[in-house]
C-alpha atoms as a PDB file:
ATOM      1  CA  UNK A   1      -0.019  -0.193  -0.380  1.00  0.00           C
ATOM      2  CA  UNK A   2       1.661   3.591  -0.880  1.00  0.00           C
ATOM      3  CA  UNK A   3       0.172   6.788   0.660  1.00  0.00           C
ATOM      4  CA  UNK A   4      -0.987   9.011  -2.487  1.00  0.00           C
ATOM      5  CA  UNK A   5      -1.975  12.109  -0.353  1.00  0.00           C
ATOM      6  CA  UNK A   6      -1.868  12.770   2.985  1.00  0.00           C
ATOM      7  CA  UNK A   7      -4.647  15.137   4.647  1.00  0.00           C
ATOM      8  CA  UNK A   8      -3.313  18.476   6.309  1.00  0.00           C
ATOM      9  CA  UNK A   9      -5.683  18.661   8.992  1.00  0.00           C
ATOM     10  CA  UNK A  10      -5.380  22.652   9.269  1.00  0.00           C
ATOM     11  CA  UNK A  11      -7.252  22.613   6.081  1.00  0.00           C
ATOM     12  CA  UNK A  12     -10.575  21.637   7.595  1.00  0.00           C
ATOM     13  CA  UNK A  13      -9.876  22.639  11.099  1.00  0.00           C
ATOM     14  CA  UNK A  14     -10.087  19.518  13.264  1.00  0.00           C
ATOM     15  CA  UNK A  15      -7.834  17.737  15.544  1.00  0.00           C
ATOM     16  CA  UNK A  16      -5.402  15.400  14.366  1.00  0.00           C
ATOM     17  CA  UNK A  17      -5.074  13.788  17.886  1.00  0.00           C
ATOM     18  CA  UNK A  18      -8.195  13.284  20.116  1.00  0.00           C
ATOM     19  CA  UNK A  19      -9.887  12.369  17.750  1.00  0.00           C
ATOM     20  CA  UNK A  20     -11.718   8.917  17.097  1.00  0.00           C
ATOM     21  CA  UNK A  21     -13.680   6.898  14.148  1.00  0.00           C
ATOM     22  CA  UNK A  22     -17.421   7.347  14.509  1.00  0.00           C
ATOM     23  CA  UNK A  23     -18.997   4.856  12.421  1.00  0.00           C
ATOM     24  CA  UNK A  24     -19.053   4.305   8.313  1.00  0.00           C
ATOM     25  CA  UNK A  25     -21.832   4.533   6.707  1.00  0.00           C
ATOM     26  CA  UNK A  26     -22.964   3.719   2.876  1.00  0.00           C
ATOM     27  CA  UNK A  27     -25.602   5.422   0.867  1.00  0.00           C
ATOM     28  CA  UNK A  28     -26.826   2.896  -1.793  1.00  0.00           C
ATOM     29  CA  UNK A  29     -28.949   4.125  -4.048  1.00  0.00           C
ATOM     30  CA  UNK A  30     -30.265   3.710  -7.719  1.00  0.00           C
ATOM     31  CA  UNK A  31     -28.975   7.038  -9.808  1.00  0.00           C
ATOM     32  CA  UNK A  32     -31.635  10.074  -8.899  1.00  0.00           C
ATOM     33  CA  UNK A  33     -33.097   7.269  -6.551  1.00  0.00           C
ATOM     34  CA  UNK A  34     -35.711   9.236  -4.181  1.00  0.00           C
ATOM     35  CA  UNK A  35     -33.986   7.382  -0.982  1.00  0.00           C
ATOM     36  CA  UNK A  36     -31.138   5.360   0.033  1.00  0.00           C
ATOM     37  CA  UNK A  37     -30.272   2.193   1.198  1.00  0.00           C
ATOM     38  CA  UNK A  38     -28.843   3.306   4.034  1.00  0.00           C
ATOM     39  CA  UNK A  39     -26.392   0.606   6.129  1.00  0.00           C
ATOM     40  CA  UNK A  40     -24.244   1.880   8.788  1.00  0.00           C
ATOM     41  CA  UNK A  41     -21.296   0.309  10.855  1.00  0.00           C
ATOM     42  CA  UNK A  42     -20.960   1.551  14.059  1.00  0.00           C
ATOM     43  CA  UNK A  43     -19.400  -0.104  17.555  1.00  0.00           C
ATOM     44  CA  UNK A  44     -19.447  -3.237  16.136  1.00  0.00           C
ATOM     45  CA  UNK A  45     -22.921  -3.542  14.499  1.00  0.00           C
ATOM     46  CA  UNK A  46     -24.651  -3.327  11.557  1.00  0.00           C
ATOM     47  CA  UNK A  47     -28.152  -1.072  11.420  1.00  0.00           C
ATOM     48  CA  UNK A  48     -29.664  -0.557   7.851  1.00  0.00           C
ATOM     49  CA  UNK A  49     -33.066   1.374   6.734  1.00  0.00           C
ATOM     50  CA  UNK A  50     -34.311   3.081   3.256  1.00  0.00           C
ATOM     51  CA  UNK A  51     -34.339   7.082   4.534  1.00  0.00           C
ATOM     52  CA  UNK A  52     -34.076  10.100   2.749  1.00  0.00           C
ATOM     53  CA  UNK A  53     -30.884  11.537   0.653  1.00  0.00           C
ATOM     54  CA  UNK A  54     -30.584  14.851   2.967  1.00  0.00           C
ATOM     55  CA  UNK A  55     -26.716  14.086   4.071  1.00  0.00           C
ATOM     56  CA  UNK A  56     -25.890  11.597   0.996  1.00  0.00           C
ATOM     57  CA  UNK A  57     -22.373  13.664  -0.229  1.00  0.00           C
ATOM     58  CA  UNK A  58     -24.019  12.018  -3.910  1.00  0.00           C
ATOM     59  CA  UNK A  59     -26.065  14.802  -5.688  1.00  0.00           C
ATOM     60  CA  UNK A  60     -27.482  11.399  -7.771  1.00  0.00           C
ATOM     61  CA  UNK A  61     -26.180   8.330  -6.586  1.00  0.00           C
ATOM     62  CA  UNK A  62     -23.977   6.661  -3.489  1.00  0.00           C
ATOM     63  CA  UNK A  63     -21.720   7.128  -1.233  1.00  0.00           C
ATOM     64  CA  UNK A  64     -19.634   5.949   1.598  1.00  0.00           C
ATOM     65  CA  UNK A  65     -18.798   8.032   4.649  1.00  0.00           C
ATOM     66  CA  UNK A  66     -16.308   7.720   7.518  1.00  0.00           C
ATOM     67  CA  UNK A  67     -17.618   9.685  10.462  1.00  0.00           C
ATOM     68  CA  UNK A  68     -15.084  10.945  12.525  1.00  0.00           C
ATOM     69  CA  UNK A  69     -15.143  13.478  16.134  1.00  0.00           C
ATOM     70  CA  UNK A  70     -13.316  15.143  18.307  1.00  0.00           C
ATOM     71  CA  UNK A  71     -13.355  13.608  21.672  1.00  0.00           C
ATOM     72  CA  UNK A  72     -14.049  16.666  23.316  1.00  0.00           C
ATOM     73  CA  UNK A  73     -17.299  17.793  24.633  1.00  0.00           C
ATOM     74  CA  UNK A  74     -18.309  19.545  21.891  1.00  0.00           C
ATOM     75  CA  UNK A  75     -15.932  18.216  19.992  1.00  0.00           C
ATOM     76  CA  UNK A  76     -16.694  18.600  15.677  1.00  0.00           C
ATOM     77  CA  UNK A  77     -17.484  15.977  13.179  1.00  0.00           C
ATOM     78  CA  UNK A  78     -16.534  15.277   9.681  1.00  0.00           C
ATOM     79  CA  UNK A  79     -17.075  12.116   7.118  1.00  0.00           C
ATOM     80  CA  UNK A  80     -14.520  11.773   4.797  1.00  0.00           C
ATOM     81  CA  UNK A  81     -16.351  10.762   1.589  1.00  0.00           C
ATOM     82  CA  UNK A  82     -16.194   8.372  -1.249  1.00  0.00           C
ATOM     83  CA  UNK A  83     -18.405   9.735  -4.006  1.00  0.00           C
ATOM     84  CA  UNK A  84     -19.318   8.422  -8.030  1.00  0.00           C
ATOM     85  CA  UNK A  85     -20.599  10.897  -9.865  1.00  0.00           C
ATOM     86  CA  UNK A  86     -20.742  11.103 -13.717  1.00  0.00           C
ATOM     87  CA  UNK A  87     -17.772   8.228 -14.179  1.00  0.00           C
ATOM     88  CA  UNK A  88     -15.725   9.724 -11.567  1.00  0.00           C
ATOM     89  CA  UNK A  89     -14.420   8.778  -8.064  1.00  0.00           C
ATOM     90  CA  UNK A  90     -14.184  12.325  -5.941  1.00  0.00           C
ATOM     91  CA  UNK A  91     -12.837  12.177  -1.971  1.00  0.00           C
ATOM     92  CA  UNK A  92     -14.201  14.928   0.254  1.00  0.00           C
ATOM     93  CA  UNK A  93     -14.352  15.858   4.012  1.00  0.00           C
ATOM     94  CA  UNK A  94     -17.895  17.500   4.910  1.00  0.00           C
ATOM     95  CA  UNK A  95     -19.020  18.882   8.274  1.00  0.00           C
ATOM     96  CA  UNK A  96     -21.457  16.894  10.038  1.00  0.00           C
ATOM     97  CA  UNK A  97     -24.691  18.677  11.956  1.00  0.00           C
ATOM     98  CA  UNK A  98     -25.561  17.686  14.489  1.00  0.00           C
ATOM     99  CA  UNK A  99     -29.501  16.769  13.073  1.00  0.00           C
ATOM    100  CA  UNK A 100     -27.388  14.368  10.848  1.00  0.00           C
ATOM    101  CA  UNK A 101     -25.945  12.344  13.663  1.00  0.00           C
ATOM    102  CA  UNK A 102     -29.278  11.860  15.032  1.00  0.00           C
ATOM    103  CA  UNK A 103     -31.036  10.583  11.736  1.00  0.00           C
ATOM    104  CA  UNK A 104     -28.458   8.658  10.836  1.00  0.00           C
ATOM    105  CA  UNK A 105     -27.994   6.860  14.495  1.00  0.00           C
ATOM    106  CA  UNK A 106     -31.302   7.069  16.396  1.00  0.00           C
ATOM    107  CA  UNK A 107     -31.774   3.593  16.281  1.00  0.00           C
ATOM    108  CA  UNK A 108     -28.470   2.460  17.808  1.00  0.00           C
ATOM    109  CA  UNK A 109     -27.960   1.866  21.276  1.00  0.00           C
END
C-alpha cells in the first residue's frame, strides 16, 4: 500500500490528535433515486434502513463515508466521503451537523 496524499488537518480545522472514528455509513441508491438504502457500521453493529438522501454527499448516486469526531465535549464531527459521480470518483471532507448524527444514529444503542 502506498500513501498518495496526506490530508493537512489545518485545512479543515479538525483535531488530528484527540479524535476517533465514529462510524462508517454507505448510501446505496439508484441514479437519481429518491431514497437510499443506508447501511451503518458502528460499535460492531450493523443497522440498515431505507431513508432520505438529505445527508448523502452524492447529488445523484451512492457514497461511502467515514465519520470521525473530536473527543472533547462539543467537539466537531466530519465525514470523509468517497463519491461516485458521472464516472468520476471524488474524495471529499464534509462537516456534520447534530441533526445528521441524530438522523443516522437514532436507532443504534
